[in-house]
Amino acid sequence: MAMIDPEQERARLAEPYSRQTDEELEEIAKHVEDLTDVAPQSLRAELSRRGLTQDPPAEFSDADQAEPIFRNLLTVRSYWNLLEAELARGVLEAAGIECFLFDDNMLRMD
């Protein structure tokens, strides 16, 4: 497998980032952990070129936060078949909806 030159990759990524709107770049910056190793550097360069700042996500801003954040969960659907449940989870995640399967490990053990 060929090694990717980081400088070439930064230059390659600079072009698509330059075509995006400020809002699109800020949305990408919110999910910087999903990017490749070189992409955040190109993203930061484009953000600073535009005078935008890349603030850390609010959930990580206070490392001394003592209380956990609880969210209300909603059961979308129940499945008897683990494969169908995994497919539905994949569709939701592809749409950007955070989700998880309850008791999927129990079904795998059965």
PDB file of N, CA and C in Angstrom:
ATOM      1  N   MET A   1       0.842  -1.179   0.000  1.00  0.00           N
ATOM      2  CA  MET A   1       0.000   0.000   0.000  1.00  0.00           C
ATOM      3  C   MET A   1       0.889   1.245   0.000  1.00  0.00           C
ATOM      4  N   ALA A   2       0.598   2.195  -0.847  1.00  0.00           N
ATOM      5  CA  ALA A   2       1.409   3.397  -0.984  1.00  0.00           C
ATOM      6  C   ALA A   2       1.146   4.358   0.174  1.00  0.00           C
ATOM      7  N   MET A   3       2.198   5.005   0.637  1.00  0.00           N
ATOM      8  CA  MET A   3       2.080   5.993   1.706  1.00  0.00           C
ATOM      9  C   MET A   3       1.622   7.317   1.110  1.00  0.00           C
ATOM     10  N   ILE A   4       0.760   8.008   1.833  1.00  0.00           N
ATOM     11  CA  ILE A   4       0.261   9.305   1.391  1.00  0.00           C
ATOM     12  C   ILE A   4       1.180  10.381   1.941  1.00  0.00           C
ATOM     13  N   ASP A   5       1.642  11.260   1.049  1.00  0.00           N
ATOM     14  CA  ASP A   5       2.483  12.371   1.469  1.00  0.00           C
ATOM     15  C   ASP A   5       1.601  13.412   2.173  1.00  0.00           C
ATOM     16  N   PRO A   6       1.877  13.729   3.445  1.00  0.00           N
ATOM     17  CA  PRO A   6       1.021  14.668   4.181  1.00  0.00           C
ATOM     18  C   PRO A   6       0.912  16.044   3.526  1.00  0.00           C
ATOM     19  N   GLU A   7       1.999  16.537   2.949  1.00  0.00           N
ATOM     20  CA  GLU A   7       1.955  17.856   2.303  1.00  0.00           C
ATOM     21  C   GLU A   7       1.044  17.840   1.077  1.00  0.00           C
ATOM     22  N   GLN A   8       1.133  16.796   0.280  1.00  0.00           N
ATOM     23  CA  GLN A   8       0.259  16.684  -0.885  1.00  0.00           C
ATOM     24  C   GLN A   8      -1.196  16.546  -0.463  1.00  0.00           C
ATOM     25  N   GLU A   9      -1.439  15.796   0.600  1.00  0.00           N
ATOM     26  CA  GLU A   9      -2.800  15.608   1.093  1.00  0.00           C
ATOM     27  C   GLU A   9      -3.370  16.919   1.624  1.00  0.00           C
ATOM     28  N   ARG A  10      -2.551  17.715   2.344  1.00  0.00           N
ATOM     29  CA  ARG A  10      -3.016  19.022   2.824  1.00  0.00           C
ATOM     30  C   ARG A  10      -3.365  19.936   1.647  1.00  0.00           C
ATOM     31  N   ALA A  11      -2.530  19.925   0.622  1.00  0.00           N
ATOM     32  CA  ALA A  11      -2.793  20.753  -0.553  1.00  0.00           C
ATOM     33  C   ALA A  11      -4.049  20.282  -1.275  1.00  0.00           C
ATOM     34  N   ARG A  12      -4.238  18.969  -1.351  1.00  0.00           N
ATOM     35  CA  ARG A  12      -5.427  18.420  -2.016  1.00  0.00           C
ATOM     36  C   ARG A  12      -6.698  18.795  -1.254  1.00  0.00           C
ATOM     37  N   LEU A  13      -6.657  18.778   0.072  1.00  0.00           N
ATOM     38  CA  LEU A  13      -7.826  19.098   0.883  1.00  0.00           C
ATOM     39  C   LEU A  13      -8.114  20.595   0.942  1.00  0.00           C
ATOM     40  N   ALA A  14      -7.113  21.416   0.721  1.00  0.00           N
ATOM     41  CA  ALA A  14      -7.304  22.862   0.790  1.00  0.00           C
ATOM     42  C   ALA A  14      -8.305  23.333  -0.259  1.00  0.00           C
ATOM     43  N   GLU A  15      -8.302  22.730  -1.425  1.00  0.00           N
ATOM     44  CA  GLU A  15      -9.192  23.153  -2.516  1.00  0.00           C
ATOM     45  C   GLU A  15     -10.664  22.932  -2.186  1.00  0.00           C
ATOM     46  N   PRO A  16     -11.103  21.725  -1.760  1.00  0.00           N
ATOM     47  CA  PRO A  16     -12.526  21.575  -1.437  1.00  0.00           C
ATOM     48  C   PRO A  16     -12.953  22.406  -0.223  1.00  0.00           C
ATOM     49  N   TYR A  17     -12.062  22.558   0.754  1.00  0.00           N
ATOM     50  CA  TYR A  17     -12.403  23.392   1.902  1.00  0.00           C
ATOM     51  C   TYR A  17     -12.588  24.849   1.481  1.00  0.00           C
ATOM     52  N   SER A  18     -11.822  25.313   0.512  1.00  0.00           N
ATOM     53  CA  SER A  18     -11.932  26.708   0.077  1.00  0.00           C
ATOM     54  C   SER A  18     -13.256  26.991  -0.632  1.00  0.00           C
ATOM     55  N   ARG A  19     -13.888  25.947  -1.185  1.00  0.00           N
ATOM     56  CA  ARG A  19     -15.162  26.132  -1.893  1.00  0.00           C
ATOM     57  C   ARG A  19     -16.363  26.081  -0.966  1.00  0.00           C
ATOM     58  N   GLN A  20     -16.188  25.647   0.263  1.00  0.00           N
ATOM     59  CA  GLN A  20     -17.314  25.499   1.175  1.00  0.00           C
ATOM     60  C   GLN A  20     -17.622  26.810   1.874  1.00  0.00           C
ATOM     61  N   THR A  21     -18.875  26.923   2.322  1.00  0.00           N
ATOM     62  CA  THR A  21     -19.291  28.124   3.046  1.00  0.00           C
ATOM     63  C   THR A  21     -18.729  28.083   4.462  1.00  0.00           C
ATOM     64  N   ASP A  22     -18.785  29.224   5.134  1.00  0.00           N
ATOM     65  CA  ASP A  22     -18.319  29.294   6.520  1.00  0.00           C
ATOM     66  C   ASP A  22     -19.103  28.317   7.401  1.00  0.00           C
ATOM     67  N   GLU A  23     -20.416  28.241   7.174  1.00  0.00           N
ATOM     68  CA  GLU A  23     -21.254  27.357   7.984  1.00  0.00           C
ATOM     69  C   GLU A  23     -20.892  25.891   7.762  1.00  0.00           C
ATOM     70  N   GLU A  24     -20.601  25.533   6.521  1.00  0.00           N
ATOM     71  CA  GLU A  24     -20.218  24.149   6.228  1.00  0.00           C
ATOM     72  C   GLU A  24     -18.898  23.795   6.920  1.00  0.00           C
ATOM     73  N   LEU A  25     -17.951  24.722   6.880  1.00  0.00           N
ATOM     74  CA  LEU A  25     -16.664  24.477   7.537  1.00  0.00           C
ATOM     75  C   LEU A  25     -16.820  24.352   9.051  1.00  0.00           C
ATOM     76  N   GLU A  26     -17.660  25.204   9.635  1.00  0.00           N
ATOM     77  CA  GLU A  26     -17.874  25.135  11.079  1.00  0.00           C
ATOM     78  C   GLU A  26     -18.555  23.824  11.463  1.00  0.00           C
ATOM     79  N   GLU A  27     -19.440  23.324  10.606  1.00  0.00           N
ATOM     80  CA  GLU A  27     -20.088  22.035  10.875  1.00  0.00           C
ATOM     81  C   GLU A  27     -19.067  20.904  10.808  1.00  0.00           C
ATOM     82  N   ILE A  28     -18.172  20.952   9.852  1.00  0.00           N
ATOM     83  CA  ILE A  28     -17.110  19.942   9.755  1.00  0.00           C
ATOM     84  C   ILE A  28     -16.213  20.014  10.986  1.00  0.00           C
ATOM     85  N   ALA A  29     -15.926  21.228  11.434  1.00  0.00           N
ATOM     86  CA  ALA A  29     -15.051  21.406  12.598  1.00  0.00           C
ATOM     87  C   ALA A  29     -15.667  20.812  13.862  1.00  0.00           C
ATOM     88  N   LYS A  30     -16.982  20.739  13.926  1.00  0.00           N
ATOM     89  CA  LYS A  30     -17.643  20.137  15.087  1.00  0.00           C
ATOM     90  C   LYS A  30     -17.367  18.641  15.176  1.00  0.00           C
ATOM     91  N   HIS A  31     -17.050  18.029  14.037  1.00  0.00           N
ATOM     92  CA  HIS A  31     -16.837  16.577  13.987  1.00  0.00           C
ATOM     93  C   HIS A  31     -15.419  16.257  13.522  1.00  0.00           C
ATOM     94  N   VAL A  32     -14.459  17.012  14.001  1.00  0.00           N
ATOM     95  CA  VAL A  32     -13.074  16.871  13.560  1.00  0.00           C
ATOM     96  C   VAL A  32     -12.511  15.487  13.891  1.00  0.00           C
ATOM     97  N   GLU A  33     -13.073  14.813  14.894  1.00  0.00           N
ATOM     98  CA  GLU A  33     -12.578  13.481  15.257  1.00  0.00           C
ATOM     99  C   GLU A  33     -12.862  12.447  14.171  1.00  0.00           C
ATOM    100  N   ASP A  34     -13.780  12.752  13.254  1.00  0.00           N
ATOM    101  CA  ASP A  34     -14.105  11.832  12.169  1.00  0.00           C
ATOM    102  C   ASP A  34     -13.184  11.993  10.954  1.00  0.00           C
ATOM    103  N   LEU A  35     -12.310  12.989  10.973  1.00  0.00           N
ATOM    104  CA  LEU A  35     -11.453  13.276   9.828  1.00  0.00           C
ATOM    105  C   LEU A  35     -10.162  12.457   9.881  1.00  0.00           C
ATOM    106  N   THR A  36      -9.487  12.392   8.741  1.00  0.00           N
ATOM    107  CA  THR A  36      -8.190  11.718   8.689  1.00  0.00           C
ATOM    108  C   THR A  36      -7.164  12.525   9.474  1.00  0.00           C
ATOM    109  N   ASP A  37      -5.971  12.000   9.623  1.00  0.00           N
ATOM    110  CA  ASP A  37      -4.938  12.663  10.423  1.00  0.00           C
ATOM    111  C   ASP A  37      -4.521  14.021   9.851  1.00  0.00           C
ATOM    112  N   VAL A  38      -4.526  14.155   8.539  1.00  0.00           N
ATOM    113  CA  VAL A  38      -4.051  15.377   7.887  1.00  0.00           C
ATOM    114  C   VAL A  38      -5.166  16.407   7.715  1.00  0.00           C
ATOM    115  N   ALA A  39      -6.402  15.964   7.586  1.00  0.00           N
ATOM    116  CA  ALA A  39      -7.529  16.851   7.293  1.00  0.00           C
ATOM    117  C   ALA A  39      -7.728  17.962   8.324  1.00  0.00           C
ATOM    118  N   PRO A  40      -7.606  17.713   9.634  1.00  0.00           N
ATOM    119  CA  PRO A  40      -7.804  18.818  10.582  1.00  0.00           C
ATOM    120  C   PRO A  40      -6.828  19.974  10.386  1.00  0.00           C
ATOM    121  N   GLN A  41      -5.620  19.672   9.949  1.00  0.00           N
ATOM    122  CA  GLN A  41      -4.646  20.742   9.704  1.00  0.00           C
ATOM    123  C   GLN A  41      -5.095  21.631   8.551  1.00  0.00           C
ATOM    124  N   SER A  42      -5.587  21.021   7.485  1.00  0.00           N
ATOM    125  CA  SER A  42      -6.082  21.806   6.351  1.00  0.00           C
ATOM    126  C   SER A  42      -7.324  22.591   6.737  1.00  0.00           C
ATOM    127  N   LEU A  43      -8.178  21.970   7.530  1.00  0.00           N
ATOM    128  CA  LEU A  43      -9.389  22.644   7.980  1.00  0.00           C
ATOM    129  C   LEU A  43      -9.052  23.847   8.852  1.00  0.00           C
ATOM    130  N   ARG A  44      -8.120  23.682   9.804  1.00  0.00           N
ATOM    131  CA  ARG A  44      -7.713  24.807  10.654  1.00  0.00           C
ATOM    132  C   ARG A  44      -7.103  25.934   9.830  1.00  0.00           C
ATOM    133  N   ALA A  45      -6.320  25.575   8.809  1.00  0.00           N
ATOM    134  CA  ALA A  45      -5.707  26.597   7.960  1.00  0.00           C
ATOM    135  C   ALA A  45      -6.780  27.412   7.231  1.00  0.00           C
ATOM    136  N   GLU A  46      -7.806  26.736   6.724  1.00  0.00           N
ATOM    137  CA  GLU A  46      -8.880  27.438   6.008  1.00  0.00           C
ATOM    138  C   GLU A  46      -9.709  28.276   6.972  1.00  0.00           C
ATOM    139  N   LEU A  47      -9.983  27.743   8.157  1.00  0.00           N
ATOM    140  CA  LEU A  47     -10.732  28.513   9.150  1.00  0.00           C
ATOM    141  C   LEU A  47      -9.973  29.772   9.561  1.00  0.00           C
ATOM    142  N   SER A  48      -8.675  29.653   9.785  1.00  0.00           N
ATOM    143  CA  SER A  48      -7.899  30.837  10.184  1.00  0.00           C
ATOM    144  C   SER A  48      -7.758  31.817   9.029  1.00  0.00           C
ATOM    145  N   ARG A  49      -7.679  31.317   7.785  1.00  0.00           N
ATOM    146  CA  ARG A  49      -7.612  32.204   6.623  1.00  0.00           C
ATOM    147  C   ARG A  49      -8.860  33.075   6.531  1.00  0.00           C
ATOM    148  N   ARG A  50     -10.005  32.514   6.928  1.00  0.00           N
ATOM    149  CA  ARG A  50     -11.272  33.250   6.897  1.00  0.00           C
ATOM    150  C   ARG A  50     -11.534  34.023   8.178  1.00  0.00           C
ATOM    151  N   GLY A  51     -10.659  33.883   9.161  1.00  0.00           N
ATOM    152  CA  GLY A  51     -10.851  34.590  10.423  1.00  0.00           C
ATOM    153  C   GLY A  51     -11.865  33.921  11.332  1.00  0.00           C
ATOM    154  N   LEU A  52     -12.123  32.659  11.107  1.00  0.00           N
ATOM    155  CA  LEU A  52     -13.049  31.898  11.950  1.00  0.00           C
ATOM    156  C   LEU A  52     -12.244  31.148  12.996  1.00  0.00           C
ATOM    157  N   THR A  53     -12.852  30.905  14.133  1.00  0.00           N
ATOM    158  CA  THR A  53     -12.165  30.156  15.171  1.00  0.00           C
ATOM    159  C   THR A  53     -12.763  28.772  15.267  1.00  0.00           C
ATOM    160  N   GLN A  54     -11.949  27.835  15.673  1.00  0.00           N
ATOM    161  CA  GLN A  54     -12.410  26.465  15.877  1.00  0.00           C
ATOM    162  C   GLN A  54     -12.480  26.232  17.375  1.00  0.00           C
ATOM    163  N   ASP A  55     -13.649  26.510  17.957  1.00  0.00           N
ATOM    164  CA  ASP A  55     -13.837  26.310  19.380  1.00  0.00           C
ATOM    165  C   ASP A  55     -14.049  24.833  19.675  1.00  0.00           C
ATOM    166  N   PRO A  56     -13.584  24.366  20.820  1.00  0.00           N
ATOM    167  CA  PRO A  56     -13.848  22.971  21.169  1.00  0.00           C
ATOM    168  C   PRO A  56     -15.339  22.773  21.374  1.00  0.00           C
ATOM    169  N   PRO A  57     -15.853  21.584  21.102  1.00  0.00           N
ATOM    170  CA  PRO A  57     -17.279  21.335  21.313  1.00  0.00           C
ATOM    171  C   PRO A  57     -17.662  21.637  22.757  1.00  0.00           C
ATOM    172  N   ALA A  58     -18.874  22.116  22.958  1.00  0.00           N
ATOM    173  CA  ALA A  58     -19.328  22.519  24.282  1.00  0.00           C
ATOM    174  C   ALA A  58     -19.271  21.372  25.276  1.00  0.00           C
ATOM    175  N   GLU A  59     -19.493  20.152  24.806  1.00  0.00           N
ATOM    176  CA  GLU A  59     -19.493  19.020  25.721  1.00  0.00           C
ATOM    177  C   GLU A  59     -18.103  18.732  26.286  1.00  0.00           C
ATOM    178  N   PHE A  60     -17.032  19.201  25.632  1.00  0.00           N
ATOM    179  CA  PHE A  60     -15.685  18.966  26.108  1.00  0.00           C
ATOM    180  C   PHE A  60     -15.057  20.211  26.724  1.00  0.00           C
ATOM    181  N   SER A  61     -15.759  21.327  26.741  1.00  0.00           N
ATOM    182  CA  SER A  61     -15.155  22.570  27.190  1.00  0.00           C
ATOM    183  C   SER A  61     -14.862  22.577  28.687  1.00  0.00           C
ATOM    184  N   ASP A  62     -15.662  21.886  29.487  1.00  0.00           N
ATOM    185  CA  ASP A  62     -15.447  21.861  30.920  1.00  0.00           C
ATOM    186  C   ASP A  62     -15.084  20.442  31.331  1.00  0.00           C
ATOM    187  N   ALA A  63     -13.790  20.173  31.454  1.00  0.00           N
ATOM    188  CA  ALA A  63     -13.318  18.824  31.762  1.00  0.00           C
ATOM    189  C   ALA A  63     -13.652  18.418  33.186  1.00  0.00           C
ATOM    190  N   ASP A  64     -13.923  19.384  34.082  1.00  0.00           N
ATOM    191  CA  ASP A  64     -14.220  19.079  35.474  1.00  0.00           C
ATOM    192  C   ASP A  64     -15.709  18.910  35.732  1.00  0.00           C
ATOM    193  N   GLN A  65     -16.470  18.718  34.702  1.00  0.00           N
ATOM    194  CA  GLN A  65     -17.915  18.590  34.844  1.00  0.00           C
ATOM    195  C   GLN A  65     -18.227  17.353  35.690  1.00  0.00           C
ATOM    196  N   ALA A  66     -18.905  17.554  36.829  1.00  0.00           N
ATOM    197  CA  ALA A  66     -19.138  16.470  37.776  1.00  0.00           C
ATOM    198  C   ALA A  66     -20.394  15.675  37.453  1.00  0.00           C
ATOM    199  N   GLU A  67     -21.415  16.320  36.924  1.00  0.00           N
ATOM    200  CA  GLU A  67     -22.680  15.649  36.690  1.00  0.00           C
ATOM    201  C   GLU A  67     -22.755  15.135  35.253  1.00  0.00           C
ATOM    202  N   PRO A  68     -23.189  13.897  35.070  1.00  0.00           N
ATOM    203  CA  PRO A  68     -23.364  13.389  33.707  1.00  0.00           C
ATOM    204  C   PRO A  68     -24.573  14.041  33.051  1.00  0.00           C
ATOM    205  N   ILE A  69     -24.556  14.065  31.746  1.00  0.00           N
ATOM    206  CA  ILE A  69     -25.660  14.630  30.983  1.00  0.00           C
ATOM    207  C   ILE A  69     -26.592  13.489  30.605  1.00  0.00           C
ATOM    208  N   PHE A  70     -27.835  13.588  31.015  1.00  0.00           N
ATOM    209  CA  PHE A  70     -28.827  12.571  30.684  1.00  0.00           C
ATOM    210  C   PHE A  70     -29.747  13.090  29.593  1.00  0.00           C
ATOM    211  N   ARG A  71     -30.062  12.209  28.674  1.00  0.00           N
ATOM    212  CA  ARG A  71     -30.983  12.567  27.604  1.00  0.00           C
ATOM    213  C   ARG A  71     -32.156  11.598  27.632  1.00  0.00           C
ATOM    214  N   ASN A  72     -33.303  12.090  27.242  1.00  0.00           N
ATOM    215  CA  ASN A  72     -34.462  11.214  27.129  1.00  0.00           C
ATOM    216  C   ASN A  72     -34.292  10.354  25.889  1.00  0.00           C
ATOM    217  N   LEU A  73     -34.489   9.060  26.053  1.00  0.00           N
ATOM    218  CA  LEU A  73     -34.371   8.139  24.934  1.00  0.00           C
ATOM    219  C   LEU A  73     -35.751   7.820  24.399  1.00  0.00           C
ATOM    220  N   LEU A  74     -35.795   7.522  23.137  1.00  0.00           N
ATOM    221  CA  LEU A  74     -37.042   7.212  22.464  1.00  0.00           C
ATOM    222  C   LEU A  74     -36.881   5.890  21.740  1.00  0.00           C
ATOM    223  N   THR A  75     -37.781   4.958  21.985  1.00  0.00           N
ATOM    224  CA  THR A  75     -37.766   3.697  21.255  1.00  0.00           C
ATOM    225  C   THR A  75     -38.456   3.934  19.922  1.00  0.00           C
ATOM    226  N   VAL A  76     -37.698   3.755  18.854  1.00  0.00           N
ATOM    227  CA  VAL A  76     -38.246   3.984  17.521  1.00  0.00           C
ATOM    228  C   VAL A  76     -38.993   2.739  17.049  1.00  0.00           C
ATOM    229  N   ARG A  77     -38.380   1.588  17.271  1.00  0.00           N
ATOM    230  CA  ARG A  77     -38.998   0.345  16.825  1.00  0.00           C
ATOM    231  C   ARG A  77     -38.319  -0.825  17.524  1.00  0.00           C
ATOM    232  N   SER A  78     -39.051  -1.906  17.687  1.00  0.00           N
ATOM    233  CA  SER A  78     -38.501  -3.136  18.253  1.00  0.00           C
ATOM    234  C   SER A  78     -38.414  -4.178  17.148  1.00  0.00           C
ATOM    235  N   TYR A  79     -37.340  -4.964  17.175  1.00  0.00           N
ATOM    236  CA  TYR A  79     -37.114  -5.994  16.162  1.00  0.00           C
ATOM    237  C   TYR A  79     -36.879  -7.337  16.847  1.00  0.00           C
ATOM    238  N   TRP A  80     -37.322  -8.409  16.210  1.00  0.00           N
ATOM    239  CA  TRP A  80     -37.034  -9.759  16.669  1.00  0.00           C
ATOM    240  C   TRP A  80     -35.772 -10.281  16.013  1.00  0.00           C
ATOM    241  N   ASN A  81     -35.421  -9.722  14.867  1.00  0.00           N
ATOM    242  CA  ASN A  81     -34.289 -10.176  14.089  1.00  0.00           C
ATOM    243  C   ASN A  81     -33.148  -9.173  14.239  1.00  0.00           C
ATOM    244  N   LEU A  82     -31.981  -9.628  14.688  1.00  0.00           N
ATOM    245  CA  LEU A  82     -30.845  -8.734  14.907  1.00  0.00           C
ATOM    246  C   LEU A  82     -30.372  -8.095  13.602  1.00  0.00           C
ATOM    247  N   LEU A  83     -30.413  -8.827  12.504  1.00  0.00           N
ATOM    248  CA  LEU A  83     -29.977  -8.277  11.220  1.00  0.00           C
ATOM    249  C   LEU A  83     -30.832  -7.081  10.818  1.00  0.00           C
ATOM    250  N   GLU A  84     -32.145  -7.197  10.961  1.00  0.00           N
ATOM    251  CA  GLU A  84     -33.022  -6.071  10.621  1.00  0.00           C
ATOM    252  C   GLU A  84     -32.754  -4.874  11.535  1.00  0.00           C
ATOM    253  N   ALA A  85     -32.497  -5.154  12.813  1.00  0.00           N
ATOM    254  CA  ALA A  85     -32.209  -4.077  13.752  1.00  0.00           C
ATOM    255  C   ALA A  85     -30.904  -3.372  13.389  1.00  0.00           C
ATOM    256  N   GLU A  86     -29.882  -4.138  13.013  1.00  0.00           N
ATOM    257  CA  GLU A  86     -28.603  -3.548  12.610  1.00  0.00           C
ATOM    258  C   GLU A  86     -28.766  -2.706  11.345  1.00  0.00           C
ATOM    259  N   LEU A  87     -29.567  -3.169  10.401  1.00  0.00           N
ATOM    260  CA  LEU A  87     -29.808  -2.402   9.175  1.00  0.00           C
ATOM    261  C   LEU A  87     -30.517  -1.087   9.492  1.00  0.00           C
ATOM    262  N   ALA A  88     -31.514  -1.142  10.361  1.00  0.00           N
ATOM    263  CA  ALA A  88     -32.237   0.074  10.732  1.00  0.00           C
ATOM    264  C   ALA A  88     -31.306   1.046  11.451  1.00  0.00           C
ATOM    265  N   ARG A  89     -30.445   0.521  12.335  1.00  0.00           N
ATOM    266  CA  ARG A  89     -29.480   1.374  13.029  1.00  0.00           C
ATOM    267  C   ARG A  89     -28.546   2.043  12.025  1.00  0.00           C
ATOM    268  N   GLY A  90     -28.109   1.298  11.016  1.00  0.00           N
ATOM    269  CA  GLY A  90     -27.236   1.870   9.993  1.00  0.00           C
ATOM    270  C   GLY A  90     -27.903   2.987   9.212  1.00  0.00           C
ATOM    271  N   VAL A  91     -29.179   2.816   8.916  1.00  0.00           N
ATOM    272  CA  VAL A  91     -29.927   3.860   8.191  1.00  0.00           C
ATOM    273  C   VAL A  91     -30.030   5.127   9.043  1.00  0.00           C
ATOM    274  N   LEU A  92     -30.337   4.947  10.328  1.00  0.00           N
ATOM    275  CA  LEU A  92     -30.444   6.113  11.212  1.00  0.00           C
ATOM    276  C   LEU A  92     -29.111   6.828  11.358  1.00  0.00           C
ATOM    277  N   GLU A  93     -28.037   6.070  11.537  1.00  0.00           N
ATOM    278  CA  GLU A  93     -26.718   6.692  11.685  1.00  0.00           C
ATOM    279  C   GLU A  93     -26.291   7.396  10.403  1.00  0.00           C
ATOM    280  N   ALA A  94     -26.633   6.823   9.252  1.00  0.00           N
ATOM    281  CA  ALA A  94     -26.308   7.472   7.978  1.00  0.00           C
ATOM    282  C   ALA A  94     -27.050   8.797   7.827  1.00  0.00           C
ATOM    283  N   ALA A  95     -28.216   8.888   8.458  1.00  0.00           N
ATOM    284  CA  ALA A  95     -28.988  10.132   8.413  1.00  0.00           C
ATOM    285  C   ALA A  95     -28.534  11.123   9.481  1.00  0.00           C
ATOM    286  N   GLY A  96     -27.515  10.743  10.261  1.00  0.00           N
ATOM    287  CA  GLY A  96     -26.991  11.646  11.277  1.00  0.00           C
ATOM    288  C   GLY A  96     -27.738  11.574  12.599  1.00  0.00           C
ATOM    289  N   ILE A  97     -28.516  10.531  12.796  1.00  0.00           N
ATOM    290  CA  ILE A  97     -29.288  10.371  14.025  1.00  0.00           C
ATOM    291  C   ILE A  97     -28.531   9.426  14.951  1.00  0.00           C
ATOM    292  N   GLU A  98     -28.177   9.911  16.122  1.00  0.00           N
ATOM    293  CA  GLU A  98     -27.462   9.092  17.084  1.00  0.00           C
ATOM    294  C   GLU A  98     -28.407   8.018  17.614  1.00  0.00           C
ATOM    295  N   CYS A  99     -27.957   6.784  17.606  1.00  0.00           N
ATOM    296  CA  CYS A  99     -28.824   5.701  18.049  1.00  0.00           C
ATOM    297  C   CYS A  99     -27.998   4.534  18.552  1.00  0.00           C
ATOM    298  N   PHE A 100     -28.660   3.613  19.220  1.00  0.00           N
ATOM    299  CA  PHE A 100     -28.014   2.384  19.655  1.00  0.00           C
ATOM    300  C   PHE A 100     -29.073   1.307  19.797  1.00  0.00           C
ATOM    301  N   LEU A 101     -28.613   0.075  19.808  1.00  0.00           N
ATOM    302  CA  LEU A 101     -29.503  -1.062  19.984  1.00  0.00           C
ATOM    303  C   LEU A 101     -29.439  -1.504  21.437  1.00  0.00           C
ATOM    304  N   PHE A 102     -30.587  -1.699  22.013  1.00  0.00           N
ATOM    305  CA  PHE A 102     -30.675  -2.187  23.384  1.00  0.00           C
ATOM    306  C   PHE A 102     -30.743  -3.706  23.349  1.00  0.00           C
ATOM    307  N   ASP A 103     -29.970  -4.363  24.154  1.00  0.00           N
ATOM    308  CA  ASP A 103     -29.944  -5.822  24.266  1.00  0.00           C
ATOM    309  C   ASP A 103     -29.414  -6.537  23.029  1.00  0.00           C
ATOM    310  N   ASP A 104     -28.676  -5.880  22.179  1.00  0.00           N
ATOM    311  CA  ASP A 104     -28.145  -6.567  21.007  1.00  0.00           C
ATOM    312  C   ASP A 104     -27.130  -7.634  21.401  1.00  0.00           C
ATOM    313  N   ASN A 105     -26.394  -7.410  22.484  1.00  0.00           N
ATOM    314  CA  ASN A 105     -25.460  -8.434  22.943  1.00  0.00           C
ATOM    315  C   ASN A 105     -26.177  -9.673  23.447  1.00  0.00           C
ATOM    316  N   MET A 106     -27.303  -9.498  24.078  1.00  0.00           N
ATOM    317  CA  MET A 106     -28.088 -10.638  24.540  1.00  0.00           C
ATOM    318  C   MET A 106     -28.561 -11.474  23.347  1.00  0.00           C
ATOM    319  N   LEU A 107     -28.962 -10.819  22.276  1.00  0.00           N
ATOM    320  CA  LEU A 107     -29.406 -11.544  21.085  1.00  0.00           C
ATOM    321  C   LEU A 107     -28.245 -12.287  20.431  1.00  0.00           C
ATOM    322  N   ARG A 108     -27.058 -11.696  20.457  1.00  0.00           N
ATOM    323  CA  ARG A 108     -25.900 -12.353  19.885  1.00  0.00           C
ATOM    324  C   ARG A 108     -25.530 -13.608  20.681  1.00  0.00           C
ATOM    325  N   MET A 109     -25.687 -13.556  21.989  1.00  0.00           N
ATOM    326  CA  MET A 109     -25.381 -14.708  22.828  1.00  0.00           C
ATOM    327  C   MET A 109     -26.393 -15.828  22.629  1.00  0.00           C
ATOM    328  N   ASP A 110     -27.618 -15.481  22.312  1.00  0.00           N
ATOM    329  CA  ASP A 110     -28.666 -16.462  22.106  1.00  0.00           C
ATOM    330  C   ASP A 110     -28.418 -17.133  20.793  1.00  0.00           C
TER     331      ASP A 110
END
